[in-house]
Amino acid sequence: MADPAKQMKHNQYVIIFMSAVLLFGAFNAVMVTADEYDPGFYVWFKIALDAAMTGLLVVLLIVVARGADTGGLKGLALLVGLVGLAAGLVKLAARFSSDHGWWTGHFNYALG
């Protein structure tokens, strides 16, 4: 069986990495203007991936908040994780903001 302390440290690193990915995507959704629609299957894949990452981030944040020893990495993981959670919600909100947002995943759309 795996060492619980080592597993908790891995969870904290996963939170930081997933939050960085979600934050990069949210930055693109807000700051980049889209100019073409993605194919339907790709739209659904990206929505499912964003929803899964955001949901898993919530689960990992709860696990780390309850179980990790207090320290610098736990504090960093929780802080960055909350920012990542907000970024995941922004990415999902972009999909439901408009018809263009549904297909592109961006808040701004313009023909190129």
PDB file of N, CA and C in Angstrom:
ATOM      1  N   MET A   1       0.834  -1.173   0.000  1.00  0.00           N
ATOM      2  CA  MET A   1       0.000   0.000   0.000  1.00  0.00           C
ATOM      3  C   MET A   1       0.887   1.248   0.000  1.00  0.00           C
ATOM      4  N   ALA A   2       0.426   2.284  -0.649  1.00  0.00           N
ATOM      5  CA  ALA A   2       1.203   3.513  -0.795  1.00  0.00           C
ATOM      6  C   ALA A   2       1.267   4.272   0.535  1.00  0.00           C
ATOM      7  N   ASP A   3       2.318   5.020   0.679  1.00  0.00           N
ATOM      8  CA  ASP A   3       2.500   5.851   1.862  1.00  0.00           C
ATOM      9  C   ASP A   3       1.522   7.025   1.799  1.00  0.00           C
ATOM     10  N   PRO A   4       0.649   7.199   2.821  1.00  0.00           N
ATOM     11  CA  PRO A   4      -0.353   8.281   2.774  1.00  0.00           C
ATOM     12  C   PRO A   4       0.262   9.682   2.679  1.00  0.00           C
ATOM     13  N   ALA A   5       1.374   9.907   3.360  1.00  0.00           N
ATOM     14  CA  ALA A   5       2.002  11.229   3.300  1.00  0.00           C
ATOM     15  C   ALA A   5       2.522  11.526   1.896  1.00  0.00           C
ATOM     16  N   LYS A   6       3.088  10.510   1.259  1.00  0.00           N
ATOM     17  CA  LYS A   6       3.594  10.687  -0.106  1.00  0.00           C
ATOM     18  C   LYS A   6       2.435  10.921  -1.078  1.00  0.00           C
ATOM     19  N   GLN A   7       1.340  10.183  -0.886  1.00  0.00           N
ATOM     20  CA  GLN A   7       0.165  10.357  -1.745  1.00  0.00           C
ATOM     21  C   GLN A   7      -0.425  11.757  -1.580  1.00  0.00           C
ATOM     22  N   MET A   8      -0.458  12.257  -0.351  1.00  0.00           N
ATOM     23  CA  MET A   8      -0.987  13.598  -0.109  1.00  0.00           C
ATOM     24  C   MET A   8      -0.122  14.650  -0.797  1.00  0.00           C
ATOM     25  N   LYS A   9       1.179  14.445  -0.804  1.00  0.00           N
ATOM     26  CA  LYS A   9       2.080  15.385  -1.483  1.00  0.00           C
ATOM     27  C   LYS A   9       1.836  15.354  -2.992  1.00  0.00           C
ATOM     28  N   HIS A  10       1.612  14.167  -3.542  1.00  0.00           N
ATOM     29  CA  HIS A  10       1.295  14.049  -4.964  1.00  0.00           C
ATOM     30  C   HIS A  10      -0.008  14.776  -5.275  1.00  0.00           C
ATOM     31  N   ASN A  11      -1.003  14.621  -4.400  1.00  0.00           N
ATOM     32  CA  ASN A  11      -2.284  15.317  -4.604  1.00  0.00           C
ATOM     33  C   ASN A  11      -2.093  16.825  -4.643  1.00  0.00           C
ATOM     34  N   GLN A  12      -1.227  17.337  -3.797  1.00  0.00           N
ATOM     35  CA  GLN A  12      -0.988  18.769  -3.772  1.00  0.00           C
ATOM     36  C   GLN A  12      -0.313  19.239  -5.063  1.00  0.00           C
ATOM     37  N   TYR A  13       0.610  18.446  -5.571  1.00  0.00           N
ATOM     38  CA  TYR A  13       1.236  18.805  -6.851  1.00  0.00           C
ATOM     39  C   TYR A  13       0.236  18.723  -8.004  1.00  0.00           C
ATOM     40  N   VAL A  14      -0.664  17.752  -7.961  1.00  0.00           N
ATOM     41  CA  VAL A  14      -1.690  17.618  -9.006  1.00  0.00           C
ATOM     42  C   VAL A  14      -2.618  18.834  -8.973  1.00  0.00           C
ATOM     43  N   ILE A  15      -2.976  19.293  -7.775  1.00  0.00           N
ATOM     44  CA  ILE A  15      -3.817  20.486  -7.657  1.00  0.00           C
ATOM     45  C   ILE A  15      -3.136  21.676  -8.313  1.00  0.00           C
ATOM     46  N   ILE A  16      -1.871  21.857  -8.046  1.00  0.00           N
ATOM     47  CA  ILE A  16      -1.135  22.995  -8.612  1.00  0.00           C
ATOM     48  C   ILE A  16      -1.061  22.890 -10.133  1.00  0.00           C
ATOM     49  N   PHE A  17      -0.786  21.694 -10.651  1.00  0.00           N
ATOM     50  CA  PHE A  17      -0.685  21.515 -12.098  1.00  0.00           C
ATOM     51  C   PHE A  17      -2.039  21.712 -12.782  1.00  0.00           C
ATOM     52  N   MET A  18      -3.091  21.095 -12.235  1.00  0.00           N
ATOM     53  CA  MET A  18      -4.414  21.243 -12.846  1.00  0.00           C
ATOM     54  C   MET A  18      -4.885  22.692 -12.798  1.00  0.00           C
ATOM     55  N   SER A  19      -4.587  23.376 -11.721  1.00  0.00           N
ATOM     56  CA  SER A  19      -4.969  24.780 -11.615  1.00  0.00           C
ATOM     57  C   SER A  19      -4.251  25.620 -12.661  1.00  0.00           C
ATOM     58  N   ALA A  20      -2.990  25.318 -12.921  1.00  0.00           N
ATOM     59  CA  ALA A  20      -2.251  26.047 -13.944  1.00  0.00           C
ATOM     60  C   ALA A  20      -2.861  25.834 -15.321  1.00  0.00           C
ATOM     61  N   VAL A  21      -3.258  24.594 -15.616  1.00  0.00           N
ATOM     62  CA  VAL A  21      -3.886  24.301 -16.908  1.00  0.00           C
ATOM     63  C   VAL A  21      -5.213  25.035 -17.037  1.00  0.00           C
ATOM     64  N   LEU A  22      -6.035  25.001 -15.987  1.00  0.00           N
ATOM     65  CA  LEU A  22      -7.322  25.687 -16.027  1.00  0.00           C
ATOM     66  C   LEU A  22      -7.147  27.203 -16.112  1.00  0.00           C
ATOM     67  N   LEU A  23      -6.154  27.732 -15.415  1.00  0.00           N
ATOM     68  CA  LEU A  23      -5.909  29.164 -15.452  1.00  0.00           C
ATOM     69  C   LEU A  23      -5.465  29.618 -16.840  1.00  0.00           C
ATOM     70  N   PHE A  24      -4.619  28.836 -17.489  1.00  0.00           N
ATOM     71  CA  PHE A  24      -4.206  29.157 -18.853  1.00  0.00           C
ATOM     72  C   PHE A  24      -5.408  29.149 -19.797  1.00  0.00           C
ATOM     73  N   GLY A  25      -6.274  28.155 -19.664  1.00  0.00           N
ATOM     74  CA  GLY A  25      -7.466  28.088 -20.510  1.00  0.00           C
ATOM     75  C   GLY A  25      -8.422  29.236 -20.255  1.00  0.00           C
ATOM     76  N   ALA A  26      -8.597  29.617 -18.993  1.00  0.00           N
ATOM     77  CA  ALA A  26      -9.489  30.731 -18.673  1.00  0.00           C
ATOM     78  C   ALA A  26      -8.922  32.038 -19.215  1.00  0.00           C
ATOM     79  N   PHE A  27      -7.609  32.209 -19.119  1.00  0.00           N
ATOM     80  CA  PHE A  27      -6.969  33.403 -19.673  1.00  0.00           C
ATOM     81  C   PHE A  27      -7.228  33.484 -21.174  1.00  0.00           C
ATOM     82  N   ASN A  28      -7.089  32.366 -21.870  1.00  0.00           N
ATOM     83  CA  ASN A  28      -7.359  32.345 -23.314  1.00  0.00           C
ATOM     84  C   ASN A  28      -8.824  32.617 -23.609  1.00  0.00           C
ATOM     85  N   ALA A  29      -9.734  32.072 -22.801  1.00  0.00           N
ATOM     86  CA  ALA A  29     -11.158  32.275 -23.028  1.00  0.00           C
ATOM     87  C   ALA A  29     -11.546  33.739 -22.893  1.00  0.00           C
ATOM     88  N   VAL A  30     -10.862  34.454 -22.018  1.00  0.00           N
ATOM     89  CA  VAL A  30     -11.190  35.858 -21.786  1.00  0.00           C
ATOM     90  C   VAL A  30     -10.424  36.787 -22.721  1.00  0.00           C
ATOM     91  N   MET A  31      -9.152  36.529 -22.939  1.00  0.00           N
ATOM     92  CA  MET A  31      -8.290  37.493 -23.625  1.00  0.00           C
ATOM     93  C   MET A  31      -8.156  37.272 -25.134  1.00  0.00           C
ATOM     94  N   VAL A  32      -8.369  36.066 -25.614  1.00  0.00           N
ATOM     95  CA  VAL A  32      -8.159  35.761 -27.032  1.00  0.00           C
ATOM     96  C   VAL A  32      -9.501  35.803 -27.756  1.00  0.00           C
ATOM     97  N   THR A  33      -9.519  36.420 -28.913  1.00  0.00           N
ATOM     98  CA  THR A  33     -10.720  36.462 -29.742  1.00  0.00           C
ATOM     99  C   THR A  33     -10.708  35.265 -30.680  1.00  0.00           C
ATOM    100  N   ALA A  34     -11.748  34.464 -30.623  1.00  0.00           N
ATOM    101  CA  ALA A  34     -11.850  33.278 -31.478  1.00  0.00           C
ATOM    102  C   ALA A  34     -12.292  33.691 -32.874  1.00  0.00           C
ATOM    103  N   ASP A  35     -11.902  32.896 -33.877  1.00  0.00           N
ATOM    104  CA  ASP A  35     -12.291  33.240 -35.237  1.00  0.00           C
ATOM    105  C   ASP A  35     -12.829  32.045 -36.023  1.00  0.00           C
ATOM    106  N   GLU A  36     -12.954  30.883 -35.401  1.00  0.00           N
ATOM    107  CA  GLU A  36     -13.538  29.744 -36.104  1.00  0.00           C
ATOM    108  C   GLU A  36     -14.185  28.801 -35.099  1.00  0.00           C
ATOM    109  N   TYR A  37     -15.135  28.031 -35.592  1.00  0.00           N
ATOM    110  CA  TYR A  37     -15.841  27.073 -34.737  1.00  0.00           C
ATOM    111  C   TYR A  37     -15.096  25.742 -34.740  1.00  0.00           C
ATOM    112  N   ASP A  38     -15.133  25.066 -33.608  1.00  0.00           N
ATOM    113  CA  ASP A  38     -14.564  23.724 -33.519  1.00  0.00           C
ATOM    114  C   ASP A  38     -15.614  22.704 -33.957  1.00  0.00           C
ATOM    115  N   PRO A  39     -15.192  21.511 -34.400  1.00  0.00           N
ATOM    116  CA  PRO A  39     -16.158  20.458 -34.731  1.00  0.00           C
ATOM    117  C   PRO A  39     -16.940  20.035 -33.488  1.00  0.00           C
ATOM    118  N   GLY A  40     -18.138  19.511 -33.693  1.00  0.00           N
ATOM    119  CA  GLY A  40     -19.031  19.159 -32.596  1.00  0.00           C
ATOM    120  C   GLY A  40     -18.441  18.197 -31.586  1.00  0.00           C
ATOM    121  N   PHE A  41     -17.789  17.130 -32.056  1.00  0.00           N
ATOM    122  CA  PHE A  41     -17.231  16.150 -31.121  1.00  0.00           C
ATOM    123  C   PHE A  41     -16.122  16.766 -30.276  1.00  0.00           C
ATOM    124  N   TYR A  42     -15.376  17.707 -30.851  1.00  0.00           N
ATOM    125  CA  TYR A  42     -14.293  18.355 -30.123  1.00  0.00           C
ATOM    126  C   TYR A  42     -14.836  19.312 -29.062  1.00  0.00           C
ATOM    127  N   VAL A  43     -15.943  19.976 -29.383  1.00  0.00           N
ATOM    128  CA  VAL A  43     -16.599  20.851 -28.402  1.00  0.00           C
ATOM    129  C   VAL A  43     -17.025  20.041 -27.195  1.00  0.00           C
ATOM    130  N   TRP A  44     -17.695  18.912 -27.433  1.00  0.00           N
ATOM    131  CA  TRP A  44     -18.154  18.077 -26.323  1.00  0.00           C
ATOM    132  C   TRP A  44     -16.989  17.491 -25.533  1.00  0.00           C
ATOM    133  N   PHE A  45     -15.910  17.129 -26.211  1.00  0.00           N
ATOM    134  CA  PHE A  45     -14.726  16.613 -25.523  1.00  0.00           C
ATOM    135  C   PHE A  45     -14.140  17.669 -24.595  1.00  0.00           C
ATOM    136  N   LYS A  46     -14.022  18.895 -25.091  1.00  0.00           N
ATOM    137  CA  LYS A  46     -13.440  19.957 -24.284  1.00  0.00           C
ATOM    138  C   LYS A  46     -14.343  20.343 -23.113  1.00  0.00           C
ATOM    139  N   ILE A  47     -15.657  20.333 -23.322  1.00  0.00           N
ATOM    140  CA  ILE A  47     -16.582  20.615 -22.218  1.00  0.00           C
ATOM    141  C   ILE A  47     -16.460  19.532 -21.154  1.00  0.00           C
ATOM    142  N   ALA A  48     -16.429  18.281 -21.582  1.00  0.00           N
ATOM    143  CA  ALA A  48     -16.299  17.177 -20.626  1.00  0.00           C
ATOM    144  C   ALA A  48     -14.967  17.239 -19.886  1.00  0.00           C
ATOM    145  N   LEU A  49     -13.903  17.565 -20.600  1.00  0.00           N
ATOM    146  CA  LEU A  49     -12.588  17.668 -19.962  1.00  0.00           C
ATOM    147  C   LEU A  49     -12.549  18.810 -18.950  1.00  0.00           C
ATOM    148  N   ASP A  50     -13.097  19.961 -19.313  1.00  0.00           N
ATOM    149  CA  ASP A  50     -13.129  21.088 -18.376  1.00  0.00           C
ATOM    150  C   ASP A  50     -13.980  20.766 -17.152  1.00  0.00           C
ATOM    151  N   ALA A  51     -15.131  20.146 -17.362  1.00  0.00           N
ATOM    152  CA  ALA A  51     -15.998  19.786 -16.241  1.00  0.00           C
ATOM    153  C   ALA A  51     -15.335  18.738 -15.350  1.00  0.00           C
ATOM    154  N   ALA A  52     -14.678  17.752 -15.955  1.00  0.00           N
ATOM    155  CA  ALA A  52     -14.008  16.709 -15.168  1.00  0.00           C
ATOM    156  C   ALA A  52     -12.843  17.286 -14.363  1.00  0.00           C
ATOM    157  N   MET A  53     -12.050  18.150 -14.977  1.00  0.00           N
ATOM    158  CA  MET A  53     -10.929  18.747 -14.251  1.00  0.00           C
ATOM    159  C   MET A  53     -11.414  19.642 -13.115  1.00  0.00           C
ATOM    160  N   THR A  54     -12.475  20.402 -13.356  1.00  0.00           N
ATOM    161  CA  THR A  54     -13.008  21.268 -12.308  1.00  0.00           C
ATOM    162  C   THR A  54     -13.594  20.438 -11.171  1.00  0.00           C
ATOM    163  N   GLY A  55     -14.337  19.385 -11.504  1.00  0.00           N
ATOM    164  CA  GLY A  55     -14.895  18.516 -10.480  1.00  0.00           C
ATOM    165  C   GLY A  55     -13.828  17.785  -9.688  1.00  0.00           C
ATOM    166  N   LEU A  56     -12.819  17.270 -10.373  1.00  0.00           N
ATOM    167  CA  LEU A  56     -11.730  16.576  -9.689  1.00  0.00           C
ATOM    168  C   LEU A  56     -10.942  17.536  -8.806  1.00  0.00           C
ATOM    169  N   LEU A  57     -10.825  18.768  -9.234  1.00  0.00           N
ATOM    170  CA  LEU A  57     -10.131  19.766  -8.426  1.00  0.00           C
ATOM    171  C   LEU A  57     -10.873  20.007  -7.114  1.00  0.00           C
ATOM    172  N   VAL A  58     -12.196  20.040  -7.166  1.00  0.00           N
ATOM    173  CA  VAL A  58     -12.991  20.195  -5.941  1.00  0.00           C
ATOM    174  C   VAL A  58     -12.727  19.033  -4.996  1.00  0.00           C
ATOM    175  N   VAL A  59     -12.745  17.809  -5.530  1.00  0.00           N
ATOM    176  CA  VAL A  59     -12.513  16.620  -4.706  1.00  0.00           C
ATOM    177  C   VAL A  59     -11.125  16.658  -4.084  1.00  0.00           C
ATOM    178  N   LEU A  60     -10.110  16.972  -4.875  1.00  0.00           N
ATOM    179  CA  LEU A  60      -8.749  17.018  -4.353  1.00  0.00           C
ATOM    180  C   LEU A  60      -8.565  18.130  -3.320  1.00  0.00           C
ATOM    181  N   LEU A  61      -9.225  19.263  -3.534  1.00  0.00           N
ATOM    182  CA  LEU A  61      -9.135  20.339  -2.547  1.00  0.00           C
ATOM    183  C   LEU A  61      -9.719  19.899  -1.205  1.00  0.00           C
ATOM    184  N   ILE A  62     -10.816  19.183  -1.231  1.00  0.00           N
ATOM    185  CA  ILE A  62     -11.424  18.689   0.007  1.00  0.00           C
ATOM    186  C   ILE A  62     -10.509  17.681   0.682  1.00  0.00           C
ATOM    187  N   VAL A  63      -9.932  16.773  -0.094  1.00  0.00           N
ATOM    188  CA  VAL A  63      -9.039  15.751   0.465  1.00  0.00           C
ATOM    189  C   VAL A  63      -7.814  16.397   1.104  1.00  0.00           C
ATOM    190  N   VAL A  64      -7.209  17.353   0.411  1.00  0.00           N
ATOM    191  CA  VAL A  64      -6.009  17.999   0.934  1.00  0.00           C
ATOM    192  C   VAL A  64      -6.348  18.864   2.149  1.00  0.00           C
ATOM    193  N   ALA A  65      -7.464  19.569   2.101  1.00  0.00           N
ATOM    194  CA  ALA A  65      -7.839  20.429   3.228  1.00  0.00           C
ATOM    195  C   ALA A  65      -8.077  19.610   4.492  1.00  0.00           C
ATOM    196  N   ARG A  66      -8.629  18.432   4.354  1.00  0.00           N
ATOM    197  CA  ARG A  66      -8.910  17.587   5.519  1.00  0.00           C
ATOM    198  C   ARG A  66      -7.712  16.791   5.994  1.00  0.00           C
ATOM    199  N   GLY A  67      -6.845  16.372   5.085  1.00  0.00           N
ATOM    200  CA  GLY A  67      -5.853  15.393   5.467  1.00  0.00           C
ATOM    201  C   GLY A  67      -4.403  15.800   5.510  1.00  0.00           C
ATOM    202  N   ALA A  68      -4.021  16.836   4.832  1.00  0.00           N
ATOM    203  CA  ALA A  68      -2.593  17.165   4.748  1.00  0.00           C
ATOM    204  C   ALA A  68      -2.114  17.855   6.012  1.00  0.00           C
ATOM    205  N   ASP A  69      -0.846  17.632   6.315  1.00  0.00           N
ATOM    206  CA  ASP A  69      -0.214  18.358   7.412  1.00  0.00           C
ATOM    207  C   ASP A  69      -0.107  19.828   7.030  1.00  0.00           C
ATOM    208  N   THR A  70      -0.226  20.683   8.017  1.00  0.00           N
ATOM    209  CA  THR A  70      -0.103  22.105   7.720  1.00  0.00           C
ATOM    210  C   THR A  70       1.323  22.410   7.299  1.00  0.00           C
ATOM    211  N   GLY A  71       1.446  23.270   6.356  1.00  0.00           N
ATOM    212  CA  GLY A  71       2.778  23.618   5.859  1.00  0.00           C
ATOM    213  C   GLY A  71       2.661  24.468   4.614  1.00  0.00           C
ATOM    214  N   GLY A  72       3.792  24.789   4.055  1.00  0.00           N
ATOM    215  CA  GLY A  72       3.847  25.666   2.895  1.00  0.00           C
ATOM    216  C   GLY A  72       3.193  25.092   1.661  1.00  0.00           C
ATOM    217  N   LEU A  73       3.420  23.797   1.391  1.00  0.00           N
ATOM    218  CA  LEU A  73       2.858  23.200   0.185  1.00  0.00           C
ATOM    219  C   LEU A  73       1.335  23.092   0.272  1.00  0.00           C
ATOM    220  N   LYS A  74       0.819  22.768   1.453  1.00  0.00           N
ATOM    221  CA  LYS A  74      -0.636  22.687   1.614  1.00  0.00           C
ATOM    222  C   LYS A  74      -1.269  24.051   1.382  1.00  0.00           C
ATOM    223  N   GLY A  75      -0.703  25.085   1.980  1.00  0.00           N
ATOM    224  CA  GLY A  75      -1.241  26.433   1.799  1.00  0.00           C
ATOM    225  C   GLY A  75      -1.201  26.869   0.350  1.00  0.00           C
ATOM    226  N   LEU A  76      -0.088  26.590  -0.308  1.00  0.00           N
ATOM    227  CA  LEU A  76       0.043  26.934  -1.724  1.00  0.00           C
ATOM    228  C   LEU A  76      -0.960  26.169  -2.572  1.00  0.00           C
ATOM    229  N   ALA A  77      -1.093  24.878  -2.314  1.00  0.00           N
ATOM    230  CA  ALA A  77      -2.025  24.047  -3.086  1.00  0.00           C
ATOM    231  C   ALA A  77      -3.461  24.520  -2.898  1.00  0.00           C
ATOM    232  N   LEU A  78      -3.837  24.876  -1.678  1.00  0.00           N
ATOM    233  CA  LEU A  78      -5.199  25.348  -1.443  1.00  0.00           C
ATOM    234  C   LEU A  78      -5.449  26.696  -2.097  1.00  0.00           C
ATOM    235  N   LEU A  79      -4.484  27.596  -2.005  1.00  0.00           N
ATOM    236  CA  LEU A  79      -4.637  28.918  -2.614  1.00  0.00           C
ATOM    237  C   LEU A  79      -4.703  28.825  -4.137  1.00  0.00           C
ATOM    238  N   VAL A  80      -3.753  28.121  -4.711  1.00  0.00           N
ATOM    239  CA  VAL A  80      -3.732  27.968  -6.165  1.00  0.00           C
ATOM    240  C   VAL A  80      -4.946  27.144  -6.627  1.00  0.00           C
ATOM    241  N   GLY A  81      -5.346  26.182  -5.817  1.00  0.00           N
ATOM    242  CA  GLY A  81      -6.510  25.365  -6.155  1.00  0.00           C
ATOM    243  C   GLY A  81      -7.791  26.175  -6.213  1.00  0.00           C
ATOM    244  N   LEU A  82      -7.963  27.110  -5.308  1.00  0.00           N
ATOM    245  CA  LEU A  82      -9.152  27.964  -5.345  1.00  0.00           C
ATOM    246  C   LEU A  82      -9.149  28.864  -6.574  1.00  0.00           C
ATOM    247  N   VAL A  83      -7.981  29.360  -6.945  1.00  0.00           N
ATOM    248  CA  VAL A  83      -7.864  30.159  -8.171  1.00  0.00           C
ATOM    249  C   VAL A  83      -8.165  29.273  -9.386  1.00  0.00           C
ATOM    250  N   GLY A  84      -7.652  28.045  -9.370  1.00  0.00           N
ATOM    251  CA  GLY A  84      -7.925  27.109 -10.462  1.00  0.00           C
ATOM    252  C   GLY A  84      -9.397  26.746 -10.558  1.00  0.00           C
ATOM    253  N   LEU A  85     -10.060  26.636  -9.413  1.00  0.00           N
ATOM    254  CA  LEU A  85     -11.494  26.352  -9.408  1.00  0.00           C
ATOM    255  C   LEU A  85     -12.265  27.493 -10.053  1.00  0.00           C
ATOM    256  N   ALA A  86     -11.905  28.717  -9.715  1.00  0.00           N
ATOM    257  CA  ALA A  86     -12.545  29.876 -10.348  1.00  0.00           C
ATOM    258  C   ALA A  86     -12.267  29.884 -11.849  1.00  0.00           C
ATOM    259  N   ALA A  87     -11.053  29.530 -12.250  1.00  0.00           N
ATOM    260  CA  ALA A  87     -10.704  29.490 -13.671  1.00  0.00           C
ATOM    261  C   ALA A  87     -11.511  28.412 -14.397  1.00  0.00           C
ATOM    262  N   GLY A  88     -11.706  27.266 -13.764  1.00  0.00           N
ATOM    263  CA  GLY A  88     -12.521  26.214 -14.370  1.00  0.00           C
ATOM    264  C   GLY A  88     -13.962  26.657 -14.565  1.00  0.00           C
ATOM    265  N   LEU A  89     -14.482  27.389 -13.596  1.00  0.00           N
ATOM    266  CA  LEU A  89     -15.844  27.901 -13.736  1.00  0.00           C
ATOM    267  C   LEU A  89     -15.932  28.954 -14.834  1.00  0.00           C
ATOM    268  N   VAL A  90     -14.885  29.755 -14.999  1.00  0.00           N
ATOM    269  CA  VAL A  90     -14.852  30.738 -16.096  1.00  0.00           C
ATOM    270  C   VAL A  90     -14.842  30.017 -17.445  1.00  0.00           C
ATOM    271  N   LYS A  91     -14.064  28.943 -17.540  1.00  0.00           N
ATOM    272  CA  LYS A  91     -14.013  28.194 -18.808  1.00  0.00           C
ATOM    273  C   LYS A  91     -15.371  27.602 -19.144  1.00  0.00           C
ATOM    274  N   LEU A  92     -16.065  27.081 -18.141  1.00  0.00           N
ATOM    275  CA  LEU A  92     -17.397  26.530 -18.381  1.00  0.00           C
ATOM    276  C   LEU A  92     -18.402  27.636 -18.674  1.00  0.00           C
ATOM    277  N   ALA A  93     -18.255  28.781 -18.011  1.00  0.00           N
ATOM    278  CA  ALA A  93     -19.155  29.907 -18.269  1.00  0.00           C
ATOM    279  C   ALA A  93     -19.007  30.422 -19.699  1.00  0.00           C
ATOM    280  N   ALA A  94     -17.813  30.366 -20.250  1.00  0.00           N
ATOM    281  CA  ALA A  94     -17.610  30.819 -21.632  1.00  0.00           C
ATOM    282  C   ALA A  94     -18.440  29.982 -22.595  1.00  0.00           C
ATOM    283  N   ARG A  95     -18.583  28.713 -22.314  1.00  0.00           N
ATOM    284  CA  ARG A  95     -19.375  27.837 -23.189  1.00  0.00           C
ATOM    285  C   ARG A  95     -20.858  28.185 -23.162  1.00  0.00           C
ATOM    286  N   PHE A  96     -21.342  28.705 -22.053  1.00  0.00           N
ATOM    287  CA  PHE A  96     -22.763  28.988 -21.917  1.00  0.00           C
ATOM    288  C   PHE A  96     -23.087  30.470 -22.058  1.00  0.00           C
ATOM    289  N   SER A  97     -22.114  31.278 -22.472  1.00  0.00           N
ATOM    290  CA  SER A  97     -22.326  32.717 -22.584  1.00  0.00           C
ATOM    291  C   SER A  97     -23.082  33.108 -23.853  1.00  0.00           C
ATOM    292  N   SER A  98     -22.857  32.383 -24.941  1.00  0.00           N
ATOM    293  CA  SER A  98     -23.528  32.703 -26.208  1.00  0.00           C
ATOM    294  C   SER A  98     -23.380  31.510 -27.145  1.00  0.00           C
ATOM    295  N   ASP A  99     -23.991  31.624 -28.319  1.00  0.00           N
ATOM    296  CA  ASP A  99     -23.840  30.563 -29.320  1.00  0.00           C
ATOM    297  C   ASP A  99     -22.396  30.482 -29.794  1.00  0.00           C
ATOM    298  N   HIS A 100     -21.763  31.637 -29.989  1.00  0.00           N
ATOM    299  CA  HIS A 100     -20.354  31.642 -30.382  1.00  0.00           C
ATOM    300  C   HIS A 100     -19.492  31.040 -29.282  1.00  0.00           C
ATOM    301  N   GLY A 101     -19.803  31.391 -28.043  1.00  0.00           N
ATOM    302  CA  GLY A 101     -19.047  30.864 -26.915  1.00  0.00           C
ATOM    303  C   GLY A 101     -19.171  29.356 -26.801  1.00  0.00           C
ATOM    304  N   TRP A 102     -20.354  28.829 -27.117  1.00  0.00           N
ATOM    305  CA  TRP A 102     -20.549  27.379 -27.063  1.00  0.00           C
ATOM    306  C   TRP A 102     -19.601  26.663 -28.018  1.00  0.00           C
ATOM    307  N   TRP A 103     -19.466  27.193 -29.215  1.00  0.00           N
ATOM    308  CA  TRP A 103     -18.656  26.529 -30.233  1.00  0.00           C
ATOM    309  C   TRP A 103     -17.169  26.820 -30.113  1.00  0.00           C
ATOM    310  N   THR A 104     -16.811  27.978 -29.565  1.00  0.00           N
ATOM    311  CA  THR A 104     -15.400  28.342 -29.531  1.00  0.00           C
ATOM    312  C   THR A 104     -14.755  28.228 -28.153  1.00  0.00           C
ATOM    313  N   GLY A 105     -15.541  28.381 -27.092  1.00  0.00           N
ATOM    314  CA  GLY A 105     -14.980  28.376 -25.751  1.00  0.00           C
ATOM    315  C   GLY A 105     -14.366  29.704 -25.372  1.00  0.00           C
ATOM    316  N   HIS A 106     -14.694  30.760 -26.122  1.00  0.00           N
ATOM    317  CA  HIS A 106     -14.172  32.092 -25.864  1.00  0.00           C
ATOM    318  C   HIS A 106     -15.342  33.056 -25.637  1.00  0.00           C
ATOM    319  N   PHE A 107     -15.081  34.122 -24.932  1.00  0.00           N
ATOM    320  CA  PHE A 107     -16.112  35.123 -24.719  1.00  0.00           C
ATOM    321  C   PHE A 107     -16.238  36.062 -25.915  1.00  0.00           C
ATOM    322  N   ASN A 108     -15.166  36.253 -26.671  1.00  0.00           N
ATOM    323  CA  ASN A 108     -15.157  37.169 -27.817  1.00  0.00           C
ATOM    324  C   ASN A 108     -15.012  36.359 -29.098  1.00  0.00           C
ATOM    325  N   TYR A 109     -15.777  36.772 -30.120  1.00  0.00           N
ATOM    326  CA  TYR A 109     -15.726  36.088 -31.409  1.00  0.00           C
ATOM    327  C   TYR A 109     -15.751  37.133 -32.511  1.00  0.00           C
ATOM    328  N   ALA A 110     -14.917  36.951 -33.516  1.00  0.00           N
ATOM    329  CA  ALA A 110     -14.912  37.834 -34.683  1.00  0.00           C
ATOM    330  C   ALA A 110     -14.438  37.017 -35.885  1.00  0.00           C
ATOM    331  N   LEU A 111     -15.052  37.266 -37.028  1.00  0.00           N
ATOM    332  CA  LEU A 111     -14.623  36.580 -38.243  1.00  0.00           C
ATOM    333  C   LEU A 111     -13.233  37.063 -38.615  1.00  0.00           C
ATOM    334  N   GLY A 112     -12.343  36.108 -38.947  1.00  0.00           N
ATOM    335  CA  GLY A 112     -10.956  36.471 -39.241  1.00  0.00           C
ATOM    336  C   GLY A 112     -10.693  36.831 -40.631  1.00  0.00           C
TER     337      GLY A 112
END
